[in-house]
Amino acid sequence: MNTLPSLDVLKTFVVVAERLNFTHAARLLHLTQGAVSRQISGLEQRLGYALFVRQARGLGLTDAGAMLLAPVQQALGQIDSALVGINNRPGRLRVKCPTCAMRWLLPRIMQLQTQHPEIDITLTTSISHGVDFAGEHFDAAVVFGRPESKKNRVIHLFDEVLSPVCVPPLWTDGEERDIVTTLADKTLLHPTRDRRDWQLWLTEAGIEDLPNAKSQHFDTLDLAMTAALQGYGIAMGDLCLVEHELQSHRLIAPFPLSIQSGAAYYLVYPEQKVLPPALKLFSLWLEQEALLSRQRLTTHLANAGALPEAAATTR
């Protein structure tokens, strides 16, 4: 071999070897089961020997896999300890954030660091919506969905409130028309392949099927919002995440109907007896900023003539 396998692949090997189950390992790694299986197959091909025995009742380690496990665990543990030692400096915070929440979080982090230059915040974005503090070196994370771990402190920031958004020039209709007719000649921008956000909102509007409109799909909500800001179509937006764009009139929400998806954004960090000053300041700051966002959203919805109704479905 000319190069060593990546640390991500070796970590995947350790997690699978410890759990002996692709599904459980995928959940812990915040990957799909297929992605975990492909990483293991690629590692086996690279090494030239099998690491696992695929059995009807699950996985088992081969002799080679068992011999490899202990030294890889030890090496990853040493790397972890080194990184923690280097990064655990007073005033430094390592924060993880899903890409969909970046347009809300980043300006607030910049403002906090301007007011408190003694705090050094390193922000890492990810397409995953969760965090595993046992395996990832972060002090805190903004997550989307419903945090499951009872070992973490969980602070609710704001709920996901959905409504169509677009640039003002795209909305040139002067007459009142029903939703289906209005959307029929527009391009609908979807942040997911299954179109669930649009379907959820249309169901609440009493419409069973998507309008016969052009569609464009993206891998993330942030990409869909960027396309909407460039005038390529109408996106199903989370109103808290695009509050700045709504206030500056770069985007408009042309329909009064908005709904809660049932999911929310949270700040999470490991429970600890004494909270580091930088993390305490960051959590209080973010909590206050989220409160202001919720208040502004309530005002916006009241002015639009409708408050959101909770829906049972989540992302």
C-alpha atoms as a PDB file:
ATOM      1  CA  MET A   1       0.000   0.000   0.000  1.00  0.00           C
ATOM      2  CA  ASN A   2       1.340   3.452  -0.903  1.00  0.00           C
ATOM      3  CA  THR A   3      -0.768   5.297   1.646  1.00  0.00           C
ATOM      4  CA  LEU A   4      -2.507   4.418   4.864  1.00  0.00           C
ATOM      5  CA  PRO A   5      -6.311   4.162   5.055  1.00  0.00           C
ATOM      6  CA  SER A   6      -8.012   7.371   6.195  1.00  0.00           C
ATOM      7  CA  LEU A   7      -8.789   7.905   9.871  1.00  0.00           C
ATOM      8  CA  ASP A   8     -12.513   8.013   9.042  1.00  0.00           C
ATOM      9  CA  VAL A   9     -12.342   4.528   7.494  1.00  0.00           C
ATOM     10  CA  LEU A  10     -10.325   3.156  10.410  1.00  0.00           C
ATOM     11  CA  LYS A  11     -12.829   4.644  12.855  1.00  0.00           C
ATOM     12  CA  THR A  12     -15.644   2.998  10.896  1.00  0.00           C
ATOM     13  CA  PHE A  13     -13.803  -0.327  11.154  1.00  0.00           C
ATOM     14  CA  VAL A  14     -13.462   0.030  14.956  1.00  0.00           C
ATOM     15  CA  VAL A  15     -17.132   0.961  15.453  1.00  0.00           C
ATOM     16  CA  VAL A  16     -18.335  -1.935  13.277  1.00  0.00           C
ATOM     17  CA  ALA A  17     -15.940  -4.348  15.020  1.00  0.00           C
ATOM     18  CA  GLU A  18     -17.186  -3.240  18.437  1.00  0.00           C
ATOM     19  CA  ARG A  19     -20.868  -3.493  17.490  1.00  0.00           C
ATOM     20  CA  LEU A  20     -20.685  -6.296  14.889  1.00  0.00           C
ATOM     21  CA  ASN A  21     -23.722  -4.719  13.250  1.00  0.00           C
ATOM     22  CA  PHE A  22     -23.741  -2.379  10.254  1.00  0.00           C
ATOM     23  CA  THR A  23     -27.046  -0.775  11.251  1.00  0.00           C
ATOM     24  CA  HIS A  24     -25.934   0.070  14.793  1.00  0.00           C
ATOM     25  CA  ALA A  25     -22.579   1.329  13.553  1.00  0.00           C
ATOM     26  CA  ALA A  26     -24.234   3.512  10.909  1.00  0.00           C
ATOM     27  CA  ARG A  27     -26.468   5.096  13.551  1.00  0.00           C
ATOM     28  CA  LEU A  28     -23.487   5.926  15.784  1.00  0.00           C
ATOM     29  CA  LEU A  29     -21.464   7.297  12.862  1.00  0.00           C
ATOM     30  CA  HIS A  30     -24.407   9.286  11.429  1.00  0.00           C
ATOM     31  CA  LEU A  31     -23.975   7.515   8.091  1.00  0.00           C
ATOM     32  CA  THR A  32     -26.193   5.299   6.006  1.00  0.00           C
ATOM     33  CA  GLN A  33     -25.826   1.545   6.348  1.00  0.00           C
ATOM     34  CA  GLY A  34     -24.758   1.399   2.712  1.00  0.00           C
ATOM     35  CA  ALA A  35     -21.992   3.952   3.280  1.00  0.00           C
ATOM     36  CA  VAL A  36     -20.625   1.953   6.228  1.00  0.00           C
ATOM     37  CA  SER A  37     -20.725  -1.277   4.212  1.00  0.00           C
ATOM     38  CA  ARG A  38     -18.897   0.385   1.302  1.00  0.00           C
ATOM     39  CA  GLN A  39     -16.183   1.751   3.598  1.00  0.00           C
ATOM     40  CA  ILE A  40     -15.570  -1.686   5.093  1.00  0.00           C
ATOM     41  CA  SER A  41     -15.528  -3.382   1.658  1.00  0.00           C
ATOM     42  CA  GLY A  42     -13.117  -0.735   0.369  1.00  0.00           C
ATOM     43  CA  LEU A  43     -10.840  -1.224   3.384  1.00  0.00           C
ATOM     44  CA  GLU A  44     -10.837  -5.003   2.900  1.00  0.00           C
ATOM     45  CA  GLN A  45      -9.970  -4.616  -0.772  1.00  0.00           C
ATOM     46  CA  ARG A  46      -7.202  -2.179   0.117  1.00  0.00           C
ATOM     47  CA  LEU A  47      -5.704  -4.510   2.729  1.00  0.00           C
ATOM     48  CA  GLY A  48      -6.126  -7.606   0.609  1.00  0.00           C
ATOM     49  CA  TYR A  49      -7.901  -9.711   3.209  1.00  0.00           C
ATOM     50  CA  ALA A  50     -11.317  -9.979   4.859  1.00  0.00           C
ATOM     51  CA  LEU A  51     -11.928  -8.309   8.209  1.00  0.00           C
ATOM     52  CA  PHE A  52     -15.431  -9.643   8.829  1.00  0.00           C
ATOM     53  CA  VAL A  53     -17.351 -12.827   8.228  1.00  0.00           C
ATOM     54  CA  ARG A  54     -20.834 -12.076   6.890  1.00  0.00           C
ATOM     55  CA  GLN A  55     -23.199 -14.509   8.586  1.00  0.00           C
ATOM     56  CA  ALA A  56     -26.955 -14.952   8.453  1.00  0.00           C
ATOM     57  CA  ARG A  57     -27.278 -13.764  12.051  1.00  0.00           C
ATOM     58  CA  GLY A  58     -24.834 -10.890  11.786  1.00  0.00           C
ATOM     59  CA  LEU A  59     -21.136 -10.157  11.546  1.00  0.00           C
ATOM     60  CA  GLY A  60     -18.097 -11.849  13.027  1.00  0.00           C
ATOM     61  CA  LEU A  61     -14.444 -10.813  13.039  1.00  0.00           C
ATOM     62  CA  THR A  62     -11.964 -12.856  11.028  1.00  0.00           C
ATOM     63  CA  ASP A  63      -8.623 -13.698  12.658  1.00  0.00           C
ATOM     64  CA  ALA A  64      -7.049 -10.843  10.713  1.00  0.00           C
ATOM     65  CA  GLY A  65      -9.792  -8.454  11.803  1.00  0.00           C
ATOM     66  CA  ALA A  66      -9.358  -9.434  15.447  1.00  0.00           C
ATOM     67  CA  MET A  67      -5.587  -8.915  15.206  1.00  0.00           C
ATOM     68  CA  LEU A  68      -6.063  -5.487  13.637  1.00  0.00           C
ATOM     69  CA  LEU A  69      -8.696  -4.216  16.071  1.00  0.00           C
ATOM     70  CA  ALA A  70      -6.635  -3.701  19.231  1.00  0.00           C
ATOM     71  CA  PRO A  71      -3.738  -1.705  17.685  1.00  0.00           C
ATOM     72  CA  VAL A  72      -6.145   0.464  15.676  1.00  0.00           C
ATOM     73  CA  GLN A  73      -8.194   1.171  18.821  1.00  0.00           C
ATOM     74  CA  GLN A  74      -5.013   2.112  20.666  1.00  0.00           C
ATOM     75  CA  ALA A  75      -3.775   4.358  17.855  1.00  0.00           C
ATOM     76  CA  LEU A  76      -7.087   6.185  17.525  1.00  0.00           C
ATOM     77  CA  GLY A  77      -7.202   6.609  21.307  1.00  0.00           C
ATOM     78  CA  GLN A  78      -3.758   8.205  21.301  1.00  0.00           C
ATOM     79  CA  ILE A  79      -4.771  10.570  18.513  1.00  0.00           C
ATOM     80  CA  ASP A  80      -7.945  11.468  20.428  1.00  0.00           C
ATOM     81  CA  SER A  81      -5.966  12.218  23.589  1.00  0.00           C
ATOM     82  CA  ALA A  82      -3.497  14.382  21.682  1.00  0.00           C
ATOM     83  CA  LEU A  83      -6.239  16.378  19.994  1.00  0.00           C
ATOM     84  CA  VAL A  84      -8.118  16.907  23.253  1.00  0.00           C
ATOM     85  CA  GLY A  85      -4.936  18.058  24.971  1.00  0.00           C
ATOM     86  CA  ILE A  86      -4.099  20.550  22.238  1.00  0.00           C
ATOM     87  CA  ASN A  87      -7.605  21.881  21.733  1.00  0.00           C
ATOM     88  CA  ASN A  88      -8.670  22.074  25.373  1.00  0.00           C
ATOM     89  CA  ARG A  89      -7.443  25.615  25.879  1.00  0.00           C
ATOM     90  CA  PRO A  90      -9.331  28.267  27.903  1.00  0.00           C
ATOM     91  CA  GLY A  91     -11.578  30.380  25.733  1.00  0.00           C
ATOM     92  CA  ARG A  92     -11.590  27.995  22.794  1.00  0.00           C
ATOM     93  CA  LEU A  93     -14.813  26.350  21.633  1.00  0.00           C
ATOM     94  CA  ARG A  94     -15.282  23.733  18.929  1.00  0.00           C
ATOM     95  CA  VAL A  95     -18.849  23.853  17.629  1.00  0.00           C
ATOM     96  CA  LYS A  96     -20.560  21.573  15.112  1.00  0.00           C
ATOM     97  CA  CYS A  97     -23.488  22.759  13.032  1.00  0.00           C
ATOM     98  CA  PRO A  98     -25.597  21.259  10.214  1.00  0.00           C
ATOM     99  CA  THR A  99     -25.284  23.175   6.953  1.00  0.00           C
ATOM    100  CA  CYS A 100     -28.992  24.036   7.041  1.00  0.00           C
ATOM    101  CA  ALA A 101     -28.501  26.152  10.213  1.00  0.00           C
ATOM    102  CA  MET A 102     -25.378  28.005   9.053  1.00  0.00           C
ATOM    103  CA  ARG A 103     -27.122  31.112   7.749  1.00  0.00           C
ATOM    104  CA  TRP A 104     -28.691  31.572  11.202  1.00  0.00           C
ATOM    105  CA  LEU A 105     -25.720  30.597  13.369  1.00  0.00           C
ATOM    106  CA  LEU A 106     -22.685  32.086  11.603  1.00  0.00           C
ATOM    107  CA  PRO A 107     -23.648  35.806  11.853  1.00  0.00           C
ATOM    108  CA  ARG A 108     -24.352  35.342  15.563  1.00  0.00           C
ATOM    109  CA  ILE A 109     -21.011  33.662  16.190  1.00  0.00           C
ATOM    110  CA  MET A 110     -19.249  36.493  14.337  1.00  0.00           C
ATOM    111  CA  GLN A 111     -21.077  39.051  16.476  1.00  0.00           C
ATOM    112  CA  LEU A 112     -20.244  37.198  19.697  1.00  0.00           C
ATOM    113  CA  GLN A 113     -16.557  37.017  18.820  1.00  0.00           C
ATOM    114  CA  THR A 114     -16.526  40.726  17.975  1.00  0.00           C
ATOM    115  CA  GLN A 115     -17.909  41.548  21.413  1.00  0.00           C
ATOM    116  CA  HIS A 116     -15.745  38.913  23.164  1.00  0.00           C
ATOM    117  CA  PRO A 117     -12.447  38.590  21.269  1.00  0.00           C
ATOM    118  CA  GLU A 118     -11.081  36.406  24.066  1.00  0.00           C
ATOM    119  CA  ILE A 119     -13.296  33.574  22.789  1.00  0.00           C
ATOM    120  CA  ASP A 120     -12.005  31.566  19.839  1.00  0.00           C
ATOM    121  CA  ILE A 121     -14.849  29.618  18.194  1.00  0.00           C
ATOM    122  CA  THR A 122     -14.060  27.018  15.569  1.00  0.00           C
ATOM    123  CA  LEU A 123     -17.209  26.203  13.598  1.00  0.00           C
ATOM    124  CA  THR A 124     -17.444  22.935  11.662  1.00  0.00           C
ATOM    125  CA  THR A 125     -20.345  22.270   9.310  1.00  0.00           C
ATOM    126  CA  SER A 126     -21.753  18.872   8.431  1.00  0.00           C
ATOM    127  CA  ILE A 127     -24.627  17.462   6.404  1.00  0.00           C
ATOM    128  CA  SER A 128     -25.462  15.244   9.390  1.00  0.00           C
ATOM    129  CA  HIS A 129     -28.023  16.602  11.850  1.00  0.00           C
ATOM    130  CA  GLY A 130     -26.654  15.040  15.044  1.00  0.00           C
ATOM    131  CA  VAL A 131     -23.462  14.765  17.089  1.00  0.00           C
ATOM    132  CA  ASP A 132     -21.627  12.029  18.998  1.00  0.00           C
ATOM    133  CA  PHE A 133     -19.477  13.705  21.637  1.00  0.00           C
ATOM    134  CA  ALA A 134     -17.880  10.364  22.507  1.00  0.00           C
ATOM    135  CA  GLY A 135     -16.458  10.032  19.014  1.00  0.00           C
ATOM    136  CA  GLU A 136     -16.335  13.642  17.789  1.00  0.00           C
ATOM    137  CA  HIS A 137     -14.166  16.382  19.298  1.00  0.00           C
ATOM    138  CA  PHE A 138     -16.675  19.166  19.807  1.00  0.00           C
ATOM    139  CA  ASP A 139     -17.551  21.195  22.881  1.00  0.00           C
ATOM    140  CA  ALA A 140     -21.074  21.929  21.666  1.00  0.00           C
ATOM    141  CA  ALA A 141     -23.293  21.445  18.638  1.00  0.00           C
ATOM    142  CA  VAL A 142     -26.427  22.843  17.066  1.00  0.00           C
ATOM    143  CA  VAL A 143     -28.525  19.841  16.009  1.00  0.00           C
ATOM    144  CA  PHE A 144     -31.733  19.394  14.050  1.00  0.00           C
ATOM    145  CA  GLY A 145     -34.435  16.926  15.049  1.00  0.00           C
ATOM    146  CA  ARG A 146     -34.877  15.477  18.509  1.00  0.00           C
ATOM    147  CA  PRO A 147     -31.687  14.842  20.577  1.00  0.00           C
ATOM    148  CA  GLU A 148     -31.778  11.363  22.080  1.00  0.00           C
ATOM    149  CA  SER A 149     -28.797  11.180  24.450  1.00  0.00           C
ATOM    150  CA  LYS A 150     -29.634  11.736  28.132  1.00  0.00           C
ATOM    151  CA  LYS A 151     -25.971  12.515  28.869  1.00  0.00           C
ATOM    152  CA  ASN A 152     -26.153  15.890  27.114  1.00  0.00           C
ATOM    153  CA  ARG A 153     -27.539  19.243  28.172  1.00  0.00           C
ATOM    154  CA  VAL A 154     -30.207  20.170  25.624  1.00  0.00           C
ATOM    155  CA  ILE A 155     -31.405  23.740  25.021  1.00  0.00           C
ATOM    156  CA  HIS A 156     -34.316  24.324  22.642  1.00  0.00           C
ATOM    157  CA  LEU A 157     -33.538  27.120  20.188  1.00  0.00           C
ATOM    158  CA  PHE A 158     -36.501  27.293  17.800  1.00  0.00           C
ATOM    159  CA  ASP A 159     -38.986  25.087  15.962  1.00  0.00           C
ATOM    160  CA  GLU A 160     -38.891  24.455  12.238  1.00  0.00           C
ATOM    161  CA  VAL A 161     -41.666  26.593  10.707  1.00  0.00           C
ATOM    162  CA  LEU A 162     -42.196  26.013   6.994  1.00  0.00           C
ATOM    163  CA  SER A 163     -43.634  28.294   4.337  1.00  0.00           C
ATOM    164  CA  PRO A 164     -42.797  28.926   0.648  1.00  0.00           C
ATOM    165  CA  VAL A 165     -40.287  31.724   0.004  1.00  0.00           C
ATOM    166  CA  CYS A 166     -38.950  33.397  -3.140  1.00  0.00           C
ATOM    167  CA  VAL A 167     -37.419  36.640  -4.381  1.00  0.00           C
ATOM    168  CA  PRO A 168     -39.902  39.527  -4.889  1.00  0.00           C
ATOM    169  CA  PRO A 169     -39.472  39.753  -8.706  1.00  0.00           C
ATOM    170  CA  LEU A 170     -40.633  36.154  -9.038  1.00  0.00           C
ATOM    171  CA  TRP A 171     -43.975  37.019  -7.482  1.00  0.00           C
ATOM    172  CA  THR A 172     -45.578  39.268 -10.074  1.00  0.00           C
ATOM    173  CA  ASP A 173     -49.132  37.941  -9.968  1.00  0.00           C
ATOM    174  CA  GLY A 174     -51.559  40.776  -9.476  1.00  0.00           C
ATOM    175  CA  GLU A 175     -54.687  38.694  -9.030  1.00  0.00           C
ATOM    176  CA  GLU A 176     -55.720  36.326  -6.281  1.00  0.00           C
ATOM    177  CA  ARG A 177     -55.657  32.699  -7.436  1.00  0.00           C
ATOM    178  CA  ASP A 178     -55.794  29.354  -5.695  1.00  0.00           C
ATOM    179  CA  ILE A 179     -52.517  27.770  -4.572  1.00  0.00           C
ATOM    180  CA  VAL A 180     -52.418  25.068  -7.266  1.00  0.00           C
ATOM    181  CA  THR A 181     -52.982  27.554 -10.096  1.00  0.00           C
ATOM    182  CA  THR A 182     -50.473  29.993  -8.620  1.00  0.00           C
ATOM    183  CA  LEU A 183     -47.722  27.396  -8.297  1.00  0.00           C
ATOM    184  CA  ALA A 184     -48.394  25.583 -11.583  1.00  0.00           C
ATOM    185  CA  ASP A 185     -46.108  27.835 -13.645  1.00  0.00           C
ATOM    186  CA  LYS A 186     -43.377  28.144 -10.993  1.00  0.00           C
ATOM    187  CA  THR A 187     -40.288  26.028 -10.339  1.00  0.00           C
ATOM    188  CA  LEU A 188     -40.453  24.323  -6.946  1.00  0.00           C
ATOM    189  CA  LEU A 189     -37.105  23.958  -5.178  1.00  0.00           C
ATOM    190  CA  HIS A 190     -36.800  20.862  -2.987  1.00  0.00           C
ATOM    191  CA  PRO A 191     -34.134  20.380  -0.266  1.00  0.00           C
ATOM    192  CA  THR A 192     -34.786  16.602  -0.298  1.00  0.00           C
ATOM    193  CA  ARG A 193     -35.476  14.033  -3.002  1.00  0.00           C
ATOM    194  CA  ASP A 194     -38.711  12.879  -1.377  1.00  0.00           C
ATOM    195  CA  ARG A 195     -40.234  16.406  -1.538  1.00  0.00           C
ATOM    196  CA  ARG A 196     -41.612  15.911   1.984  1.00  0.00           C
ATOM    197  CA  ASP A 197     -41.445  19.582   3.033  1.00  0.00           C
ATOM    198  CA  TRP A 198     -43.623  20.716   0.126  1.00  0.00           C
ATOM    199  CA  GLN A 199     -45.990  17.782   0.565  1.00  0.00           C
ATOM    200  CA  LEU A 200     -46.358  18.538   4.280  1.00  0.00           C
ATOM    201  CA  TRP A 201     -47.244  22.171   3.625  1.00  0.00           C
ATOM    202  CA  LEU A 202     -49.619  21.368   0.741  1.00  0.00           C
ATOM    203  CA  THR A 203     -51.406  18.744   2.854  1.00  0.00           C
ATOM    204  CA  GLU A 204     -52.012  21.379   5.525  1.00  0.00           C
ATOM    205  CA  ALA A 205     -53.372  23.633   2.773  1.00  0.00           C
ATOM    206  CA  GLY A 206     -55.840  20.895   1.818  1.00  0.00           C
ATOM    207  CA  ILE A 207     -54.038  19.886  -1.372  1.00  0.00           C
ATOM    208  CA  GLU A 208     -53.290  16.180  -1.837  1.00  0.00           C
ATOM    209  CA  ASP A 209     -50.759  16.249  -4.685  1.00  0.00           C
ATOM    210  CA  LEU A 210     -47.934  18.504  -5.753  1.00  0.00           C
ATOM    211  CA  PRO A 211     -48.945  21.035  -8.437  1.00  0.00           C
ATOM    212  CA  ASN A 212     -47.992  20.205 -12.004  1.00  0.00           C
ATOM    213  CA  ALA A 213     -44.930  22.408 -11.742  1.00  0.00           C
ATOM    214  CA  LYS A 214     -41.266  22.186 -12.663  1.00  0.00           C
ATOM    215  CA  SER A 215     -39.055  20.883  -9.873  1.00  0.00           C
ATOM    216  CA  GLN A 216     -35.403  21.102  -8.913  1.00  0.00           C
ATOM    217  CA  HIS A 217     -33.885  18.942  -6.145  1.00  0.00           C
ATOM    218  CA  PHE A 218     -30.933  19.717  -3.894  1.00  0.00           C
ATOM    219  CA  ASP A 219     -28.964  17.794  -1.293  1.00  0.00           C
ATOM    220  CA  THR A 220     -29.377  20.356   1.493  1.00  0.00           C
ATOM    221  CA  LEU A 221     -31.765  23.081   2.613  1.00  0.00           C
ATOM    222  CA  ASP A 222     -28.977  25.650   2.354  1.00  0.00           C
ATOM    223  CA  LEU A 223     -28.490  24.904  -1.359  1.00  0.00           C
ATOM    224  CA  ALA A 224     -32.242  25.235  -1.962  1.00  0.00           C
ATOM    225  CA  MET A 225     -32.255  28.607  -0.165  1.00  0.00           C
ATOM    226  CA  THR A 226     -29.284  29.800  -2.225  1.00  0.00           C
ATOM    227  CA  ALA A 227     -31.136  28.868  -5.420  1.00  0.00           C
ATOM    228  CA  ALA A 228     -34.231  30.707  -4.200  1.00  0.00           C
ATOM    229  CA  LEU A 229     -32.153  33.837  -3.482  1.00  0.00           C
ATOM    230  CA  GLN A 230     -30.843  33.686  -7.043  1.00  0.00           C
ATOM    231  CA  GLY A 231     -34.398  33.693  -8.382  1.00  0.00           C
ATOM    232  CA  TYR A 232     -34.468  30.133  -9.700  1.00  0.00           C
ATOM    233  CA  GLY A 233     -37.770  29.215  -8.071  1.00  0.00           C
ATOM    234  CA  ILE A 234     -39.825  28.950  -4.901  1.00  0.00           C
ATOM    235  CA  ALA A 235     -38.332  27.022  -1.985  1.00  0.00           C
ATOM    236  CA  MET A 236     -39.978  25.652   1.122  1.00  0.00           C
ATOM    237  CA  GLY A 237     -38.151  27.722   3.703  1.00  0.00           C
ATOM    238  CA  ASP A 238     -37.673  27.530   7.443  1.00  0.00           C
ATOM    239  CA  LEU A 239     -38.771  31.031   8.440  1.00  0.00           C
ATOM    240  CA  CYS A 240     -36.378  31.364  11.389  1.00  0.00           C
ATOM    241  CA  LEU A 241     -33.398  30.407   9.251  1.00  0.00           C
ATOM    242  CA  VAL A 242     -34.209  33.053   6.622  1.00  0.00           C
ATOM    243  CA  GLU A 243     -35.416  35.788   8.962  1.00  0.00           C
ATOM    244  CA  HIS A 244     -32.616  38.149   7.861  1.00  0.00           C
ATOM    245  CA  GLU A 245     -33.532  37.678   4.204  1.00  0.00           C
ATOM    246  CA  LEU A 246     -37.220  38.280   5.006  1.00  0.00           C
ATOM    247  CA  GLN A 247     -36.467  41.429   6.996  1.00  0.00           C
ATOM    248  CA  SER A 248     -34.265  42.835   4.235  1.00  0.00           C
ATOM    249  CA  HIS A 249     -36.925  41.849   1.627  1.00  0.00           C
ATOM    250  CA  ARG A 250     -34.425  39.762  -0.310  1.00  0.00           C
ATOM    251  CA  LEU A 251     -37.020  37.014   0.128  1.00  0.00           C
ATOM    252  CA  ILE A 252     -40.765  37.136   0.630  1.00  0.00           C
ATOM    253  CA  ALA A 253     -43.201  34.563   2.019  1.00  0.00           C
ATOM    254  CA  PRO A 254     -46.163  35.098  -0.343  1.00  0.00           C
ATOM    255  CA  PHE A 255     -48.600  32.726   1.376  1.00  0.00           C
ATOM    256  CA  PRO A 256     -49.953  33.399   4.888  1.00  0.00           C
ATOM    257  CA  LEU A 257     -50.015  29.676   5.693  1.00  0.00           C
ATOM    258  CA  SER A 258     -47.041  28.341   7.675  1.00  0.00           C
ATOM    259  CA  ILE A 259     -46.727  25.077   9.574  1.00  0.00           C
ATOM    260  CA  GLN A 260     -44.526  23.499  12.207  1.00  0.00           C
ATOM    261  CA  SER A 261     -42.915  20.304  10.945  1.00  0.00           C
ATOM    262  CA  GLY A 262     -42.611  18.889  14.457  1.00  0.00           C
ATOM    263  CA  ALA A 263     -38.795  19.121  14.407  1.00  0.00           C
ATOM    264  CA  ALA A 264     -36.648  21.806  16.007  1.00  0.00           C
ATOM    265  CA  TYR A 265     -33.121  23.112  16.416  1.00  0.00           C
ATOM    266  CA  TYR A 266     -31.287  22.578  19.692  1.00  0.00           C
ATOM    267  CA  LEU A 267     -27.985  23.513  21.281  1.00  0.00           C
ATOM    268  CA  VAL A 268     -26.427  20.476  22.953  1.00  0.00           C
ATOM    269  CA  TYR A 269     -23.262  19.907  24.952  1.00  0.00           C
ATOM    270  CA  PRO A 270     -22.064  17.224  27.397  1.00  0.00           C
ATOM    271  CA  GLU A 271     -23.330  17.502  30.950  1.00  0.00           C
ATOM    272  CA  GLN A 272     -20.593  18.676  33.310  1.00  0.00           C
ATOM    273  CA  LYS A 273     -20.418  19.847  36.919  1.00  0.00           C
ATOM    274  CA  VAL A 274     -18.586  23.078  36.138  1.00  0.00           C
ATOM    275  CA  LEU A 275     -19.348  24.708  32.800  1.00  0.00           C
ATOM    276  CA  PRO A 276     -16.294  26.356  31.169  1.00  0.00           C
ATOM    277  CA  PRO A 277     -16.751  30.165  31.031  1.00  0.00           C
ATOM    278  CA  ALA A 278     -16.549  30.279  27.221  1.00  0.00           C
ATOM    279  CA  LEU A 279     -19.207  27.570  26.821  1.00  0.00           C
ATOM    280  CA  LYS A 280     -21.437  29.217  29.424  1.00  0.00           C
ATOM    281  CA  LEU A 281     -21.245  32.564  27.620  1.00  0.00           C
ATOM    282  CA  PHE A 282     -21.854  30.926  24.248  1.00  0.00           C
ATOM    283  CA  SER A 283     -24.906  28.976  25.437  1.00  0.00           C
ATOM    284  CA  LEU A 284     -26.481  32.011  27.148  1.00  0.00           C
ATOM    285  CA  TRP A 285     -25.821  34.142  24.054  1.00  0.00           C
ATOM    286  CA  LEU A 286     -27.352  31.596  21.693  1.00  0.00           C
ATOM    287  CA  GLU A 287     -30.360  31.098  23.971  1.00  0.00           C
ATOM    288  CA  GLN A 288     -31.051  34.838  23.963  1.00  0.00           C
ATOM    289  CA  GLU A 289     -30.570  35.105  20.196  1.00  0.00           C
ATOM    290  CA  ALA A 290     -32.977  32.216  19.656  1.00  0.00           C
ATOM    291  CA  LEU A 291     -35.555  33.899  21.898  1.00  0.00           C
ATOM    292  CA  LEU A 292     -35.317  37.058  19.796  1.00  0.00           C
ATOM    293  CA  SER A 293     -35.702  35.007  16.613  1.00  0.00           C
ATOM    294  CA  ARG A 294     -38.831  33.326  17.977  1.00  0.00           C
ATOM    295  CA  GLN A 295     -40.292  36.713  18.953  1.00  0.00           C
ATOM    296  CA  ARG A 296     -39.600  38.190  15.513  1.00  0.00           C
ATOM    297  CA  LEU A 297     -41.134  35.122  13.870  1.00  0.00           C
ATOM    298  CA  THR A 298     -44.287  35.498  15.974  1.00  0.00           C
ATOM    299  CA  THR A 299     -44.554  39.140  14.874  1.00  0.00           C
ATOM    300  CA  HIS A 300     -44.014  38.210  11.229  1.00  0.00           C
ATOM    301  CA  LEU A 301     -46.657  35.487  11.328  1.00  0.00           C
ATOM    302  CA  ALA A 302     -49.144  37.764  13.065  1.00  0.00           C
ATOM    303  CA  ASN A 303     -48.614  40.413  10.372  1.00  0.00           C
ATOM    304  CA  ALA A 304     -49.044  37.727   7.710  1.00  0.00           C
ATOM    305  CA  GLY A 305     -52.417  36.881   9.169  1.00  0.00           C
ATOM    306  CA  ALA A 306     -51.772  33.332  10.333  1.00  0.00           C
ATOM    307  CA  LEU A 307     -49.877  31.604  13.103  1.00  0.00           C
ATOM    308  CA  PRO A 308     -48.304  28.188  12.449  1.00  0.00           C
ATOM    309  CA  GLU A 309     -50.166  24.993  13.205  1.00  0.00           C
ATOM    310  CA  ALA A 310     -48.167  22.015  14.419  1.00  0.00           C
ATOM    311  CA  ALA A 311     -47.936  19.034  12.081  1.00  0.00           C
ATOM    312  CA  ALA A 312     -47.150  15.511  13.186  1.00  0.00           C
ATOM    313  CA  THR A 313     -44.550  14.712  10.551  1.00  0.00           C
ATOM    314  CA  THR A 314     -40.847  15.441  11.056  1.00  0.00           C
ATOM    315  CA  ARG A 315     -37.944  15.467   8.636  1.00  0.00           C
END
